């Protein structure tokens, strides 16, 4: 799984990526960083809250979520029972990166069942 994430390393504006469960367990990440745990916890909290509110409003699942902040952007794409999270800077045009993210999500799904493991693939 890590080899698929590494395709994002050359994308302009992309600072990192991770695949995680909805409850914040990281299955793979590039680069390895203590910040990944914070990002996973934050994204998990946002997704769980969003899921409740979406149900109340009659919306079903989401295709992509982009959070814009002063320090950058967080792009979240569902992949089966997990999510692909991409960290990007705030000033780069992410057109190319978003195409790569869509391809990565497809690649992760076609690779078979994704499971969280402790050996970080």
N, C-alpha and C. Protein backbone atom coordinates (compact mmCIF):
# COMPACT_ATOMS: atom_id res chain seq x y z
N UNK A 1 0.82 -1.19 0.00
CA UNK A 1 0.00 0.00 0.00
C UNK A 1 0.87 1.26 0.00
N UNK A 2 1.97 1.19 0.70
CA UNK A 2 2.87 2.35 0.77
C UNK A 2 3.42 2.69 -0.61
N UNK A 3 3.66 1.66 -1.44
CA UNK A 3 4.18 1.91 -2.79
C UNK A 3 3.19 2.71 -3.63
N UNK A 4 1.91 2.50 -3.42
CA UNK A 4 0.90 3.27 -4.14
C UNK A 4 0.92 4.72 -3.66
N UNK A 5 1.02 4.93 -2.36
CA UNK A 5 1.06 6.29 -1.82
C UNK A 5 2.28 7.06 -2.33
N UNK A 6 3.38 6.36 -2.55
CA UNK A 6 4.61 7.03 -2.96
C UNK A 6 4.48 7.70 -4.33
N UNK A 7 3.47 7.33 -5.11
CA UNK A 7 3.23 8.01 -6.39
C UNK A 7 2.91 9.49 -6.19
N UNK A 8 2.43 9.84 -5.01
CA UNK A 8 2.08 11.23 -4.72
C UNK A 8 3.29 12.08 -4.34
N UNK A 9 4.40 11.46 -4.01
CA UNK A 9 5.56 12.21 -3.51
C UNK A 9 6.07 13.25 -4.51
N UNK A 10 5.93 13.01 -5.78
CA UNK A 10 6.41 13.97 -6.78
C UNK A 10 5.39 15.00 -7.20
N UNK A 11 4.17 14.91 -6.71
CA UNK A 11 3.12 15.85 -7.10
C UNK A 11 3.36 17.22 -6.50
N UNK A 12 3.31 18.26 -7.31
CA UNK A 12 3.50 19.61 -6.78
C UNK A 12 2.47 19.94 -5.70
N UNK A 13 2.94 20.46 -4.59
CA UNK A 13 2.06 20.88 -3.52
C UNK A 13 1.70 19.82 -2.50
N UNK A 14 1.96 18.55 -2.80
CA UNK A 14 1.60 17.47 -1.88
C UNK A 14 2.70 17.31 -0.84
N UNK A 15 2.32 17.40 0.44
CA UNK A 15 3.28 17.27 1.55
C UNK A 15 3.30 15.87 2.15
N UNK A 16 2.24 15.09 1.94
CA UNK A 16 2.18 13.75 2.50
C UNK A 16 0.84 13.12 2.23
N UNK A 17 0.74 11.83 2.57
CA UNK A 17 -0.52 11.10 2.36
C UNK A 17 -0.58 9.95 3.34
N UNK A 18 -1.79 9.54 3.64
CA UNK A 18 -1.96 8.35 4.48
C UNK A 18 -3.27 7.67 4.15
N UNK A 19 -3.31 6.38 4.46
CA UNK A 19 -4.54 5.60 4.37
C UNK A 19 -4.88 5.21 5.80
N UNK A 20 -6.13 5.43 6.19
CA UNK A 20 -6.52 5.19 7.57
C UNK A 20 -7.94 4.62 7.64
N UNK A 21 -8.26 4.02 8.78
CA UNK A 21 -9.62 3.57 9.02
C UNK A 21 -10.44 4.78 9.44
N UNK A 22 -11.75 4.63 9.45
CA UNK A 22 -12.61 5.74 9.85
C UNK A 22 -12.41 6.16 11.30
N UNK A 23 -11.92 5.21 12.13
CA UNK A 23 -11.68 5.56 13.53
C UNK A 23 -10.26 6.04 13.80
N UNK A 24 -9.48 6.32 12.74
CA UNK A 24 -8.19 6.97 12.90
C UNK A 24 -6.96 6.08 12.96
N UNK A 25 -7.10 4.77 12.69
CA UNK A 25 -5.94 3.89 12.69
C UNK A 25 -5.25 3.99 11.32
N UNK A 26 -3.96 4.32 11.34
CA UNK A 26 -3.20 4.50 10.10
C UNK A 26 -2.71 3.16 9.59
N UNK A 27 -3.01 2.87 8.32
CA UNK A 27 -2.55 1.64 7.68
C UNK A 27 -1.23 1.87 6.95
N UNK A 28 -1.05 3.04 6.35
CA UNK A 28 0.19 3.38 5.65
C UNK A 28 0.28 4.90 5.56
N UNK A 29 1.51 5.42 5.54
CA UNK A 29 1.70 6.86 5.46
C UNK A 29 3.03 7.19 4.81
N UNK A 30 3.03 8.30 4.07
CA UNK A 30 4.27 8.87 3.53
C UNK A 30 4.24 10.37 3.77
N UNK A 31 5.28 10.98 4.21
CA UNK A 31 6.41 10.36 4.90
C UNK A 31 5.99 9.96 6.31
N UNK A 32 6.80 9.13 6.94
CA UNK A 32 6.56 8.78 8.34
C UNK A 32 6.74 10.04 9.17
N UNK A 33 5.76 10.35 10.00
CA UNK A 33 5.83 11.58 10.79
C UNK A 33 4.91 11.47 12.00
N UNK A 34 5.32 12.03 13.14
CA UNK A 34 4.44 12.05 14.30
C UNK A 34 3.16 12.85 14.03
N UNK A 35 3.22 13.78 13.09
CA UNK A 35 2.06 14.59 12.73
C UNK A 35 0.93 13.74 12.13
N UNK A 36 1.27 12.59 11.54
CA UNK A 36 0.25 11.73 10.92
C UNK A 36 -0.81 11.30 11.92
N UNK A 37 -0.41 11.02 13.15
CA UNK A 37 -1.37 10.60 14.18
C UNK A 37 -2.37 11.73 14.47
N UNK A 38 -1.87 12.96 14.52
CA UNK A 38 -2.74 14.11 14.76
C UNK A 38 -3.72 14.30 13.60
N UNK A 39 -3.20 14.16 12.39
CA UNK A 39 -4.05 14.31 11.20
C UNK A 39 -5.12 13.22 11.19
N UNK A 40 -4.74 11.98 11.48
CA UNK A 40 -5.69 10.87 11.49
C UNK A 40 -6.79 11.10 12.54
N UNK A 41 -6.41 11.57 13.71
CA UNK A 41 -7.39 11.83 14.76
C UNK A 41 -8.35 12.95 14.35
N UNK A 42 -7.79 13.99 13.76
CA UNK A 42 -8.61 15.11 13.31
C UNK A 42 -9.58 14.68 12.21
N UNK A 43 -9.08 13.98 11.19
CA UNK A 43 -9.92 13.54 10.08
C UNK A 43 -10.99 12.58 10.58
N UNK A 44 -10.64 11.69 11.48
CA UNK A 44 -11.61 10.75 12.03
C UNK A 44 -12.75 11.49 12.72
N UNK A 45 -12.41 12.49 13.53
CA UNK A 45 -13.42 13.28 14.23
C UNK A 45 -14.34 14.00 13.24
N UNK A 46 -13.75 14.60 12.22
CA UNK A 46 -14.54 15.32 11.21
C UNK A 46 -15.47 14.34 10.49
N UNK A 47 -14.95 13.19 10.08
CA UNK A 47 -15.76 12.22 9.33
C UNK A 47 -16.91 11.67 10.16
N UNK A 48 -16.65 11.34 11.41
CA UNK A 48 -17.71 10.81 12.26
C UNK A 48 -18.81 11.84 12.48
N UNK A 49 -18.43 13.09 12.69
CA UNK A 49 -19.40 14.16 12.87
C UNK A 49 -20.17 14.39 11.57
N UNK A 50 -19.44 14.42 10.47
CA UNK A 50 -20.05 14.66 9.17
C UNK A 50 -21.04 13.54 8.81
N UNK A 51 -20.68 12.31 9.14
CA UNK A 51 -21.54 11.17 8.84
C UNK A 51 -22.89 11.31 9.54
N UNK A 52 -22.87 11.68 10.82
CA UNK A 52 -24.12 11.88 11.57
C UNK A 52 -24.97 12.98 10.94
N UNK A 53 -24.34 14.11 10.66
CA UNK A 53 -25.06 15.25 10.09
C UNK A 53 -25.58 14.94 8.69
N UNK A 54 -24.80 14.23 7.89
CA UNK A 54 -25.22 13.88 6.53
C UNK A 54 -26.46 12.98 6.57
N UNK A 55 -26.47 12.03 7.49
CA UNK A 55 -27.65 11.16 7.64
C UNK A 55 -28.87 11.98 8.01
N UNK A 56 -28.71 12.91 8.95
CA UNK A 56 -29.83 13.74 9.39
C UNK A 56 -30.37 14.61 8.26
N UNK A 57 -29.50 15.01 7.33
CA UNK A 57 -29.91 15.84 6.19
C UNK A 57 -30.37 15.01 4.98
N UNK A 58 -30.26 13.69 5.08
CA UNK A 58 -30.69 12.83 3.98
C UNK A 58 -29.64 12.63 2.91
N UNK A 59 -28.39 12.97 3.19
CA UNK A 59 -27.30 12.74 2.24
C UNK A 59 -26.71 11.36 2.47
N UNK A 60 -26.20 10.79 1.42
CA UNK A 60 -25.53 9.50 1.59
C UNK A 60 -24.03 9.72 1.68
N UNK A 61 -23.25 8.80 1.21
CA UNK A 61 -21.79 8.88 1.34
C UNK A 61 -21.20 10.02 0.49
N UNK A 62 -20.00 10.45 0.87
CA UNK A 62 -19.33 11.52 0.14
C UNK A 62 -18.31 10.94 -0.84
N UNK A 63 -17.98 11.70 -1.87
CA UNK A 63 -16.99 11.29 -2.87
C UNK A 63 -15.61 11.87 -2.56
N UNK A 64 -15.60 13.10 -2.08
CA UNK A 64 -14.33 13.74 -1.71
C UNK A 64 -14.64 14.91 -0.80
N UNK A 65 -13.78 15.10 0.18
CA UNK A 65 -13.91 16.21 1.11
C UNK A 65 -12.58 16.97 1.07
N UNK A 66 -12.65 18.28 0.88
CA UNK A 66 -11.44 19.10 0.90
C UNK A 66 -11.59 20.15 1.98
N UNK A 67 -10.65 20.16 2.92
CA UNK A 67 -10.63 21.14 4.00
C UNK A 67 -9.53 22.16 3.69
N UNK A 68 -9.90 23.42 3.67
CA UNK A 68 -8.94 24.50 3.41
C UNK A 68 -8.62 25.19 4.73
N UNK A 69 -7.35 25.40 4.98
CA UNK A 69 -6.92 26.09 6.21
C UNK A 69 -5.72 26.97 5.88
N UNK A 70 -5.31 27.76 6.84
CA UNK A 70 -4.17 28.66 6.63
C UNK A 70 -2.88 27.89 6.32
N UNK A 71 -2.69 26.74 6.98
CA UNK A 71 -1.46 25.96 6.79
C UNK A 71 -1.50 25.06 5.56
N UNK A 72 -2.67 24.88 4.96
CA UNK A 72 -2.74 24.02 3.79
C UNK A 72 -4.11 23.40 3.62
N UNK A 73 -4.14 22.30 2.87
CA UNK A 73 -5.39 21.61 2.58
C UNK A 73 -5.29 20.15 2.97
N UNK A 74 -6.42 19.59 3.32
CA UNK A 74 -6.52 18.15 3.58
C UNK A 74 -7.59 17.63 2.64
N UNK A 75 -7.21 16.68 1.81
CA UNK A 75 -8.15 16.07 0.86
C UNK A 75 -8.43 14.66 1.35
N UNK A 76 -9.71 14.33 1.50
CA UNK A 76 -10.12 13.02 2.02
C UNK A 76 -10.99 12.33 0.98
N UNK A 77 -10.59 11.11 0.61
CA UNK A 77 -11.33 10.32 -0.38
C UNK A 77 -11.62 8.95 0.22
N UNK A 78 -12.89 8.52 0.23
CA UNK A 78 -13.20 7.19 0.75
C UNK A 78 -12.67 6.10 -0.17
N UNK A 79 -12.14 5.04 0.44
CA UNK A 79 -11.65 3.87 -0.29
C UNK A 79 -12.15 2.65 0.48
N UNK A 80 -13.21 2.05 -0.02
CA UNK A 80 -13.87 0.94 0.68
C UNK A 80 -14.20 1.37 2.11
N UNK A 81 -13.71 0.65 3.11
CA UNK A 81 -14.00 1.00 4.51
C UNK A 81 -12.91 1.86 5.13
N UNK A 82 -12.06 2.43 4.28
CA UNK A 82 -10.98 3.28 4.75
C UNK A 82 -11.03 4.60 4.00
N UNK A 83 -10.10 5.50 4.31
CA UNK A 83 -10.02 6.76 3.59
C UNK A 83 -8.58 7.07 3.23
N UNK A 84 -8.41 7.68 2.07
CA UNK A 84 -7.13 8.20 1.62
C UNK A 84 -7.11 9.67 2.00
N UNK A 85 -6.06 10.09 2.71
CA UNK A 85 -5.93 11.47 3.16
C UNK A 85 -4.65 12.05 2.53
N UNK A 86 -4.80 13.17 1.85
CA UNK A 86 -3.65 13.83 1.21
C UNK A 86 -3.48 15.20 1.85
N UNK A 87 -2.26 15.49 2.28
CA UNK A 87 -1.92 16.79 2.86
C UNK A 87 -1.24 17.62 1.78
N UNK A 88 -1.75 18.82 1.56
CA UNK A 88 -1.21 19.67 0.50
C UNK A 88 -1.01 21.09 1.02
N UNK A 89 -0.13 21.83 0.35
CA UNK A 89 0.05 23.23 0.77
C UNK A 89 -1.14 24.05 0.28
N UNK A 90 -1.21 25.28 0.73
CA UNK A 90 -2.39 26.09 0.43
C UNK A 90 -2.30 26.89 -0.86
N UNK A 91 -1.12 26.98 -1.45
CA UNK A 91 -0.96 27.88 -2.60
C UNK A 91 -0.84 27.17 -3.95
N UNK A 92 -0.65 25.88 -3.99
CA UNK A 92 -0.42 25.17 -5.25
C UNK A 92 -1.74 24.78 -5.91
N UNK A 93 -1.78 24.89 -7.23
CA UNK A 93 -2.92 24.38 -7.99
C UNK A 93 -2.84 22.86 -7.92
N UNK A 94 -3.85 22.24 -7.37
CA UNK A 94 -3.82 20.80 -7.14
C UNK A 94 -4.51 19.98 -8.24
N UNK A 95 -4.70 20.56 -9.42
CA UNK A 95 -5.38 19.83 -10.50
C UNK A 95 -4.71 18.49 -10.77
N UNK A 96 -3.39 18.50 -10.94
CA UNK A 96 -2.67 17.26 -11.22
C UNK A 96 -2.75 16.30 -10.03
N UNK A 97 -2.57 16.83 -8.83
CA UNK A 97 -2.62 15.99 -7.64
C UNK A 97 -3.98 15.33 -7.47
N UNK A 98 -5.06 16.07 -7.77
CA UNK A 98 -6.40 15.49 -7.64
C UNK A 98 -6.62 14.36 -8.63
N UNK A 99 -6.05 14.49 -9.83
CA UNK A 99 -6.14 13.38 -10.80
C UNK A 99 -5.39 12.16 -10.25
N UNK A 100 -4.22 12.39 -9.67
CA UNK A 100 -3.45 11.30 -9.07
C UNK A 100 -4.20 10.66 -7.91
N UNK A 101 -4.84 11.49 -7.08
CA UNK A 101 -5.59 10.99 -5.93
C UNK A 101 -6.73 10.07 -6.41
N UNK A 102 -7.44 10.50 -7.45
CA UNK A 102 -8.52 9.67 -7.99
C UNK A 102 -7.97 8.34 -8.49
N UNK A 103 -6.83 8.37 -9.17
CA UNK A 103 -6.20 7.15 -9.65
C UNK A 103 -5.72 6.26 -8.51
N UNK A 104 -5.18 6.88 -7.47
CA UNK A 104 -4.71 6.11 -6.31
C UNK A 104 -5.87 5.43 -5.61
N UNK A 105 -6.96 6.15 -5.44
CA UNK A 105 -8.13 5.57 -4.79
C UNK A 105 -8.62 4.36 -5.57
N UNK A 106 -8.66 4.49 -6.89
CA UNK A 106 -9.06 3.37 -7.74
C UNK A 106 -8.08 2.21 -7.60
N UNK A 107 -6.78 2.53 -7.60
CA UNK A 107 -5.75 1.50 -7.46
C UNK A 107 -5.84 0.78 -6.13
N UNK A 108 -6.12 1.51 -5.07
CA UNK A 108 -6.25 0.89 -3.76
C UNK A 108 -7.46 -0.04 -3.71
N UNK A 109 -8.55 0.35 -4.39
CA UNK A 109 -9.74 -0.50 -4.39
C UNK A 109 -9.55 -1.75 -5.24
N UNK A 110 -8.89 -1.61 -6.38
CA UNK A 110 -8.71 -2.77 -7.26
C UNK A 110 -7.64 -3.72 -6.76
N UNK A 111 -6.83 -3.26 -5.85
CA UNK A 111 -5.77 -4.09 -5.30
C UNK A 111 -6.34 -5.18 -4.40
N UNK A 112 -7.59 -5.06 -4.04
CA UNK A 112 -8.22 -6.04 -3.17
C UNK A 112 -8.60 -5.42 -1.86
N UNK A 113 -8.97 -6.25 -0.95
CA UNK A 113 -9.39 -5.78 0.38
C UNK A 113 -8.23 -5.06 1.06
N UNK A 114 -8.55 -3.93 1.61
CA UNK A 114 -7.55 -3.16 2.36
C UNK A 114 -7.76 -3.49 3.83
N UNK A 115 -6.68 -3.81 4.51
CA UNK A 115 -6.77 -4.08 5.94
C UNK A 115 -5.69 -3.28 6.66
N UNK A 116 -6.01 -2.85 7.83
CA UNK A 116 -5.03 -2.13 8.64
C UNK A 116 -4.10 -3.14 9.29
N UNK A 117 -2.80 -2.90 9.14
CA UNK A 117 -1.82 -3.78 9.76
C UNK A 117 -0.85 -2.96 10.58
N UNK A 118 -0.20 -3.60 11.51
CA UNK A 118 0.73 -2.88 12.36
C UNK A 118 2.12 -2.74 11.76
N UNK A 119 2.40 -3.46 10.66
CA UNK A 119 3.75 -3.38 10.11
C UNK A 119 3.90 -2.29 9.07
N UNK A 120 2.89 -1.43 8.91
CA UNK A 120 2.93 -0.28 8.02
C UNK A 120 3.31 -0.64 6.59
N UNK A 121 2.90 -1.78 6.07
CA UNK A 121 3.16 -2.24 4.70
C UNK A 121 4.47 -1.70 4.18
